[in-house]
Amino acid sequence: MLKGLLKNPCFYFGLISLILINNVSFACSNYDIFSDIQGGKLLSSDSYKFDFQNKDSIFFGSNDKIALETPDLKVIEDNTISSIAVPSVVSLKVLGDTFGASYSDKREVADYVVQPGDTADSIAKAHNISVNTLLWANELTSSSQLKNGQSVVILPVDGVLHTIKSGDLLDNIAKKYNAKVDDIIAFNNLANENDIYVGDILVVPGGTLRVSTPKGKSPTQSPLQINVQIPLANNYFIFPVQGKITQGLHYFNAVDIANQCGTPIYAAASGTVQRAVFNNKWNLGMGNYITILHPNGTVTYYGHLSSVFVKSGESVQVGQNIGLVGKSGKVIGVTGCHLHFQVMGAANPLAKYSVGSTISYK
């Protein structure tokens, strides 16, 4: 009864696809292998096509509807296999996690370690940005010499970085860099023009610096520590978490501390919560996070949380439990559950510890 079906190679390819990748649709030309029950109507595989451009789905229908399948098979009229089950969606992120691939947001700012032979031109070209964008983001000049092992900031698009200071207005920022307010809002996922806080780092897409840094002038600080200026007492910040340092200073004046998910996180100093984001979304790689403005003007940032115990506008005391260690957002490789601890406006107290060091509350 299945003689004709079993001789067709598409049968085996489709069957293997269903076994290896649960819940996705596959179409093979000239043979109606799979079908989808949608609104009580059986749809043939001819209505499906491949679309690898949509990040939310691997296979997409010609009617612009997602084709949903599960691997429960039923033979129909000796030449068709039908899938009948509760619909579900497989996203590229889920598929990537399943097969070990990493998922990233195209708006994410990244670090790059300079390799032998690298130049500003070659690095910019490799990351599809202009040389000026690379120089501006790292406070470099056309005469600056890159060193092997040096870490540089890579913007996801041509433009500039801007750190929000007291009194900043989005309209003034846009004018300063010859950019558009709407572009800044959209690119940085802001709710509106007023959704900015001291210490926020904005990517200004298409922005330019009107006055270039004079040739020969070297940057006064590492691009990883932009705006590190406020001197602090050694004991101003307490350790926000205990665990092992898995990544030293990286964008943006941050250090990663790994521990089990659910480990308590404490406010490094007293202050006011600016953002308390718990939406389990990508959030430019930070996942769930908290930012706290301290009385001296510094801001601390706590990323990748599994739980958030405070809300925006709330006053917190030094040592107050504000959340729990997690792995939301961009957490790949061996790092696993960890806290991304970032300090804006002052030195990060954890930057002096080497990778592999264990820190405890103090």
Protein backbone atom coordinates (compact mmCIF):
# COMPACT_ATOMS: atom_id res chain seq x y z
CA MET A 1 0.00 0.00 0.00
CA LEU A 2 2.91 2.34 0.75
CA LYS A 3 5.07 1.04 -2.10
CA GLY A 4 4.97 4.26 -4.11
CA LEU A 5 5.50 6.43 -1.06
CA LEU A 6 8.46 4.45 0.24
CA LYS A 7 10.27 4.72 -3.09
CA ASN A 8 10.20 8.49 -3.01
CA PRO A 9 13.33 10.01 -1.33
CA CYS A 10 11.35 12.98 -0.11
CA PHE A 11 9.52 10.65 2.29
CA TYR A 12 12.73 9.79 4.11
CA PHE A 13 14.02 13.35 4.13
CA GLY A 14 10.77 14.58 5.60
CA LEU A 15 10.66 11.80 8.17
CA ILE A 16 14.23 12.53 9.29
CA SER A 17 13.41 16.24 9.47
CA LEU A 18 10.50 15.55 11.78
CA ILE A 19 12.62 13.34 14.03
CA LEU A 20 15.57 15.75 14.29
CA ILE A 21 13.68 19.04 14.41
CA ASN A 22 10.37 18.80 16.22
CA ASN A 23 7.58 21.17 15.20
CA VAL A 24 8.78 22.50 11.83
CA SER A 25 7.29 22.18 8.37
CA PHE A 26 9.06 20.87 5.26
CA ALA A 27 7.95 20.88 1.65
CA CYS A 28 9.27 18.72 -1.21
CA SER A 29 8.35 19.67 -4.77
CA ASN A 30 5.85 17.51 -6.66
CA TYR A 31 5.04 15.41 -3.62
CA ASP A 32 2.50 16.31 -0.98
CA ILE A 33 4.41 15.01 2.05
CA PHE A 34 3.15 17.25 4.83
CA SER A 35 0.00 19.15 5.46
CA ASP A 36 -1.34 21.39 8.14
CA ILE A 37 -4.76 21.44 9.69
CA GLN A 38 -5.71 25.08 10.05
CA GLY A 39 -9.23 26.19 10.76
CA GLY A 40 -10.51 22.73 9.86
CA LYS A 41 -9.04 22.91 6.34
CA LEU A 42 -6.26 20.62 5.14
CA LEU A 43 -3.53 22.63 3.43
CA SER A 44 -1.16 20.99 0.97
CA SER A 45 2.59 21.41 1.15
CA ASP A 46 2.45 23.47 -2.07
CA SER A 47 1.38 26.42 0.08
CA TYR A 48 4.68 26.46 1.96
CA LYS A 49 7.98 28.07 1.10
CA PHE A 50 11.30 28.61 2.84
CA ASP A 51 11.98 31.92 4.58
CA PHE A 52 15.21 32.16 6.55
CA GLN A 53 14.96 35.93 6.93
CA ASN A 54 12.26 35.94 9.61
CA LYS A 55 13.83 35.44 13.05
CA ASP A 56 10.59 34.19 14.55
CA SER A 57 10.05 31.23 12.26
CA ILE A 58 12.03 28.90 10.03
CA PHE A 59 9.29 28.05 7.55
CA PHE A 60 6.63 30.45 6.37
CA GLY A 61 3.53 29.99 4.26
CA SER A 62 2.92 31.74 0.95
CA ASN A 63 -0.10 33.37 2.56
CA ASP A 64 2.30 34.89 5.13
CA LYS A 65 1.10 32.62 7.89
CA ILE A 66 3.42 30.47 9.95
CA ALA A 67 3.26 26.77 9.04
CA LEU A 68 2.97 24.83 12.27
CA GLU A 69 3.61 21.11 12.60
CA THR A 70 4.27 18.35 15.12
CA PRO A 71 5.56 14.88 14.18
CA ASP A 72 2.38 12.82 14.59
CA LEU A 73 2.04 11.07 11.21
CA LYS A 74 -0.99 9.77 9.34
CA VAL A 75 -0.98 8.21 5.85
CA ILE A 76 -3.61 9.57 3.46
CA GLU A 77 -4.53 7.95 0.13
CA ASP A 78 -1.31 5.95 -0.09
CA ASN A 79 0.81 8.92 -1.17
CA THR A 80 0.59 11.58 1.53
CA ILE A 81 1.75 11.86 5.11
CA SER A 82 -0.23 14.26 7.24
CA SER A 83 0.82 15.81 10.54
CA ILE A 84 -2.00 16.26 13.03
CA ALA A 85 -1.25 17.81 16.41
CA VAL A 86 -1.44 20.96 18.50
CA PRO A 87 0.45 23.75 16.67
CA SER A 88 3.65 25.20 18.10
CA VAL A 89 6.40 27.47 16.85
CA VAL A 90 10.14 26.87 16.64
CA SER A 91 12.07 30.14 16.56
CA LEU A 92 15.64 30.55 15.35
CA LYS A 93 16.70 31.32 18.90
CA VAL A 94 15.26 28.02 20.19
CA LEU A 95 16.75 26.12 17.27
CA GLY A 96 20.10 27.83 17.82
CA ASP A 97 20.07 26.96 21.51
CA THR A 98 19.18 23.36 20.67
CA PHE A 99 22.05 22.91 18.24
CA GLY A 100 24.56 25.05 20.13
CA ALA A 101 24.50 28.13 17.92
CA SER A 102 24.48 31.58 19.44
CA TYR A 103 21.74 34.12 18.96
CA SER A 104 22.44 37.83 18.88
CA ASP A 105 20.62 41.08 18.43
CA LYS A 106 21.82 43.22 15.53
CA ARG A 107 21.61 46.29 17.78
CA GLU A 108 24.05 44.92 20.31
CA VAL A 109 27.31 46.75 21.06
CA ALA A 110 30.20 44.28 21.24
CA ASP A 111 33.82 44.03 22.34
CA TYR A 112 36.54 42.99 19.91
CA VAL A 113 40.07 41.93 20.85
CA VAL A 114 42.67 43.22 18.42
CA GLN A 115 44.54 40.44 16.59
CA PRO A 116 47.98 40.53 14.92
CA GLY A 117 47.78 42.42 11.64
CA ASP A 118 44.55 44.24 12.52
CA THR A 119 44.14 47.88 11.60
CA ALA A 120 41.31 50.30 12.18
CA ASP A 121 40.39 49.94 8.52
CA SER A 122 40.35 46.13 8.55
CA ILE A 123 38.36 45.93 11.80
CA ALA A 124 35.79 48.43 10.56
CA LYS A 125 35.42 46.62 7.25
CA ALA A 126 35.03 43.22 8.96
CA HIS A 127 32.17 44.58 11.07
CA ASN A 128 30.49 46.61 8.30
CA ILE A 129 30.94 49.98 9.97
CA SER A 130 32.84 53.08 8.96
CA VAL A 131 36.33 53.78 10.23
CA ASN A 132 35.08 56.97 11.87
CA THR A 133 32.45 55.00 13.78
CA LEU A 134 35.18 52.74 15.17
CA LEU A 135 37.46 55.67 16.05
CA TRP A 136 34.71 57.73 17.68
CA ALA A 137 33.42 54.85 19.82
CA ASN A 138 36.92 54.15 21.15
CA GLU A 139 38.19 57.75 21.44
CA LEU A 140 40.89 56.96 18.89
CA THR A 141 42.37 59.07 16.12
CA SER A 142 43.57 58.24 12.63
CA SER A 143 47.14 58.13 13.99
CA SER A 144 46.36 55.88 16.98
CA GLN A 145 48.25 52.59 17.07
CA LEU A 146 46.24 49.46 17.92
CA LYS A 147 47.96 46.87 20.10
CA ASN A 148 47.50 43.10 20.04
CA GLY A 149 45.12 42.07 22.80
CA GLN A 150 43.60 45.53 23.06
CA SER A 151 39.83 45.53 23.41
CA VAL A 152 37.82 47.89 21.25
CA VAL A 153 34.12 48.68 21.16
CA ILE A 154 32.22 47.73 18.00
CA LEU A 155 28.95 49.51 17.27
CA PRO A 156 26.26 47.59 15.39
CA VAL A 157 25.68 50.46 12.94
CA ASP A 158 27.41 53.63 11.80
CA GLY A 159 27.00 56.31 14.44
CA VAL A 160 28.24 57.37 17.84
CA LEU A 161 27.82 56.43 21.49
CA HIS A 162 26.37 58.85 24.01
CA THR A 163 26.21 58.46 27.78
CA ILE A 164 23.28 60.27 29.38
CA LYS A 165 24.24 62.96 31.88
CA SER A 166 22.09 65.06 34.18
CA GLY A 167 20.08 67.56 32.14
CA ASP A 168 20.40 65.75 28.82
CA LEU A 169 17.44 65.94 26.45
CA LEU A 170 16.99 63.63 23.49
CA ASP A 171 16.30 66.54 21.17
CA ASN A 172 19.61 68.18 22.11
CA ILE A 173 21.46 64.88 21.71
CA ALA A 174 20.03 64.44 18.21
CA LYS A 175 21.08 67.98 17.25
CA LYS A 176 24.56 67.49 18.71
CA TYR A 177 25.23 64.49 16.48
CA ASN A 178 23.14 65.58 13.48
CA ALA A 179 20.79 62.63 13.98
CA LYS A 180 17.04 62.06 14.29
CA VAL A 181 15.18 61.70 17.58
CA ASP A 182 12.87 59.01 16.19
CA ASP A 183 15.86 56.94 15.05
CA ILE A 184 17.43 57.11 18.51
CA ILE A 185 14.17 56.10 20.18
CA ALA A 186 13.57 53.17 17.83
CA PHE A 187 17.12 51.82 17.88
CA ASN A 188 17.43 51.92 21.68
CA ASN A 189 13.92 50.58 22.40
CA LEU A 190 12.91 53.73 24.28
CA ALA A 191 9.28 54.28 25.14
CA ASN A 192 9.44 58.01 24.30
CA GLU A 193 11.70 61.07 24.43
CA ASN A 194 11.61 61.11 28.23
CA ASP A 195 12.63 57.47 28.66
CA ILE A 196 16.27 58.26 29.43
CA TYR A 197 18.18 58.18 32.72
CA VAL A 198 21.59 59.26 33.94
CA GLY A 199 24.13 56.61 32.99
CA ASP A 200 22.16 55.20 30.05
CA ILE A 201 24.35 54.47 27.03
CA LEU A 202 22.66 55.25 23.74
CA VAL A 203 23.67 54.30 20.24
CA VAL A 204 22.95 57.28 17.99
CA PRO A 205 22.46 55.67 14.56
CA GLY A 206 23.78 57.81 11.74
CA GLY A 207 25.24 60.29 14.21
CA THR A 208 28.50 62.11 13.53
CA LEU A 209 30.99 64.10 15.56
CA ARG A 210 31.22 67.59 14.17
CA VAL A 211 34.68 68.25 15.57
CA SER A 212 37.29 65.55 15.08
CA THR A 213 39.81 64.72 17.80
CA PRO A 214 43.13 66.40 16.89
CA LYS A 215 45.66 64.04 15.34
CA GLY A 216 48.20 62.69 17.75
CA LYS A 217 45.97 63.09 20.78
CA SER A 218 45.66 59.82 22.64
CA PRO A 219 42.51 58.80 24.48
CA THR A 220 42.66 59.65 28.17
CA GLN A 221 41.09 56.37 29.21
CA SER A 222 40.10 52.96 27.97
CA PRO A 223 36.91 52.89 25.83
CA LEU A 224 35.71 50.26 28.29
CA GLN A 225 35.70 52.93 31.02
CA ILE A 226 34.25 55.96 29.27
CA ASN A 227 33.28 58.70 31.76
CA VAL A 228 35.18 57.12 34.66
CA GLN A 229 35.75 60.33 36.56
CA ILE A 230 34.31 60.37 40.08
CA PRO A 231 36.90 59.41 42.75
CA LEU A 232 35.50 56.99 45.31
CA ALA A 233 36.53 55.73 48.71
CA ASN A 234 37.70 52.12 48.60
CA ASN A 235 34.66 51.02 50.60
CA TYR A 236 32.00 53.08 48.78
CA PHE A 237 30.72 50.03 46.88
CA ILE A 238 30.25 46.64 48.49
CA PHE A 239 30.47 43.45 46.46
CA PRO A 240 27.03 43.02 44.87
CA VAL A 241 27.27 39.24 44.75
CA GLN A 242 29.57 36.41 45.67
CA GLY A 243 31.02 34.04 43.12
CA LYS A 244 33.85 33.66 40.63
CA ILE A 245 34.91 36.33 38.15
CA THR A 246 34.56 34.82 34.68
CA GLN A 247 35.14 37.90 32.55
CA GLY A 248 37.25 40.93 33.38
CA LEU A 249 36.64 44.50 32.34
CA HIS A 250 34.51 44.64 29.20
CA TYR A 251 31.86 46.81 27.63
CA PHE A 252 30.76 48.93 29.41
CA ASN A 253 33.07 49.17 32.47
CA ALA A 254 31.61 45.82 33.50
CA VAL A 255 32.78 42.62 35.18
CA ASP A 256 30.97 39.24 35.13
CA ILE A 257 30.64 37.19 38.34
CA ALA A 258 29.33 33.64 38.01
CA ASN A 259 27.39 31.68 40.60
CA GLN A 260 24.33 29.45 40.74
CA CYS A 261 21.09 30.87 39.41
CA GLY A 262 19.11 32.17 42.37
CA THR A 263 22.13 33.55 44.24
CA PRO A 264 21.14 36.84 45.97
CA ILE A 265 22.25 40.14 44.47
CA TYR A 266 22.66 43.19 46.70
CA ALA A 267 22.71 46.93 46.01
CA ALA A 268 26.37 47.94 45.89
CA ALA A 269 25.48 51.30 47.51
CA SER A 270 22.37 53.21 48.57
CA GLY A 271 20.44 55.03 45.87
CA THR A 272 17.31 55.24 43.74
CA VAL A 273 16.25 52.59 41.25
CA GLN A 274 16.08 54.08 37.75
CA ARG A 275 15.11 50.98 35.81
CA ALA A 276 13.84 47.65 37.07
CA VAL A 277 13.18 45.59 33.94
CA PHE A 278 11.65 42.16 34.32
CA ASN A 279 10.11 41.17 31.00
CA ASN A 280 12.26 38.14 30.10
CA LYS A 281 13.15 39.71 26.75
CA TRP A 282 16.48 40.11 24.97
CA ASN A 283 16.93 43.77 25.97
CA LEU A 284 20.06 44.18 23.85
CA GLY A 285 21.60 41.16 25.53
CA MET A 286 21.09 42.17 29.16
CA GLY A 287 17.84 40.30 29.75
CA ASN A 288 16.25 41.32 33.05
CA TYR A 289 18.21 44.13 34.67
CA ILE A 290 18.30 46.91 37.27
CA THR A 291 20.03 50.30 37.27
CA ILE A 292 20.55 52.36 40.44
CA LEU A 293 21.51 56.04 40.65
CA HIS A 294 23.66 56.80 43.69
CA PRO A 295 23.91 60.16 45.53
CA ASN A 296 27.39 60.89 44.14
CA GLY A 297 26.12 60.66 40.55
CA THR A 298 27.39 57.18 39.76
CA VAL A 299 25.12 54.49 38.36
CA THR A 300 25.39 50.73 38.90
CA TYR A 301 23.94 48.21 36.47
CA TYR A 302 22.95 44.62 37.28
CA GLY A 303 22.23 42.38 34.28
CA HIS A 304 21.00 38.84 33.39
CA LEU A 305 18.78 38.53 36.48
CA SER A 306 16.34 35.69 37.08
CA SER A 307 14.24 37.73 39.55
CA VAL A 308 13.83 41.43 40.30
CA PHE A 309 12.71 42.55 43.77
CA VAL A 310 12.56 46.32 43.31
CA LYS A 311 10.71 48.78 41.08
CA SER A 312 11.56 52.03 39.32
CA GLY A 313 11.63 55.05 41.64
CA GLU A 314 12.18 52.95 44.77
CA SER A 315 14.88 53.95 47.28
CA VAL A 316 17.24 51.13 48.22
CA GLN A 317 19.84 50.78 50.94
CA VAL A 318 23.36 49.44 50.57
CA GLY A 319 23.26 45.66 50.94
CA GLN A 320 19.54 45.40 50.16
CA ASN A 321 18.58 42.26 48.24
CA ILE A 322 17.42 43.60 44.85
CA GLY A 323 17.30 40.43 42.74
CA LEU A 324 18.70 37.00 41.96
CA VAL A 325 21.45 35.79 39.64
CA GLY A 326 20.14 34.39 36.36
CA LYS A 327 20.96 33.86 32.71
CA SER A 328 18.42 35.99 30.88
CA GLY A 329 19.49 37.85 27.76
CA LYS A 330 22.80 36.97 26.14
CA VAL A 331 24.45 34.22 28.18
CA ILE A 332 26.50 31.81 26.09
CA GLY A 333 29.43 29.44 26.51
CA VAL A 334 30.64 28.31 29.90
CA THR A 335 29.63 31.48 31.76
CA GLY A 336 26.10 30.29 32.48
CA CYS A 337 24.34 31.93 35.41
CA HIS A 338 26.13 35.15 36.30
CA LEU A 339 25.81 38.82 37.17
CA HIS A 340 26.91 41.52 34.72
CA PHE A 341 27.97 44.29 37.13
CA GLN A 342 28.61 47.65 35.49
CA VAL A 343 29.56 51.02 36.96
CA MET A 344 28.97 54.31 35.15
CA GLY A 345 30.88 57.40 36.27
CA ALA A 346 33.48 55.73 38.45
CA ALA A 347 35.92 52.85 38.54
CA ASN A 348 34.44 49.38 38.82
CA PRO A 349 35.66 48.02 42.19
CA LEU A 350 35.84 44.49 40.74
CA ALA A 351 38.09 45.45 37.83
CA LYS A 352 41.22 44.98 39.95
CA TYR A 353 40.51 41.27 40.45
CA SER A 354 41.76 38.77 37.90
CA VAL A 355 39.59 36.27 36.05
CA GLY A 356 39.13 33.17 38.21
CA SER A 357 39.19 35.12 41.47
CA THR A 358 36.50 34.29 44.01
CA ILE A 359 34.82 37.17 45.79
CA SER A 360 32.61 37.10 48.88
CA TYR A 361 30.27 39.66 50.40
CA LYS A 362 31.97 42.27 52.54
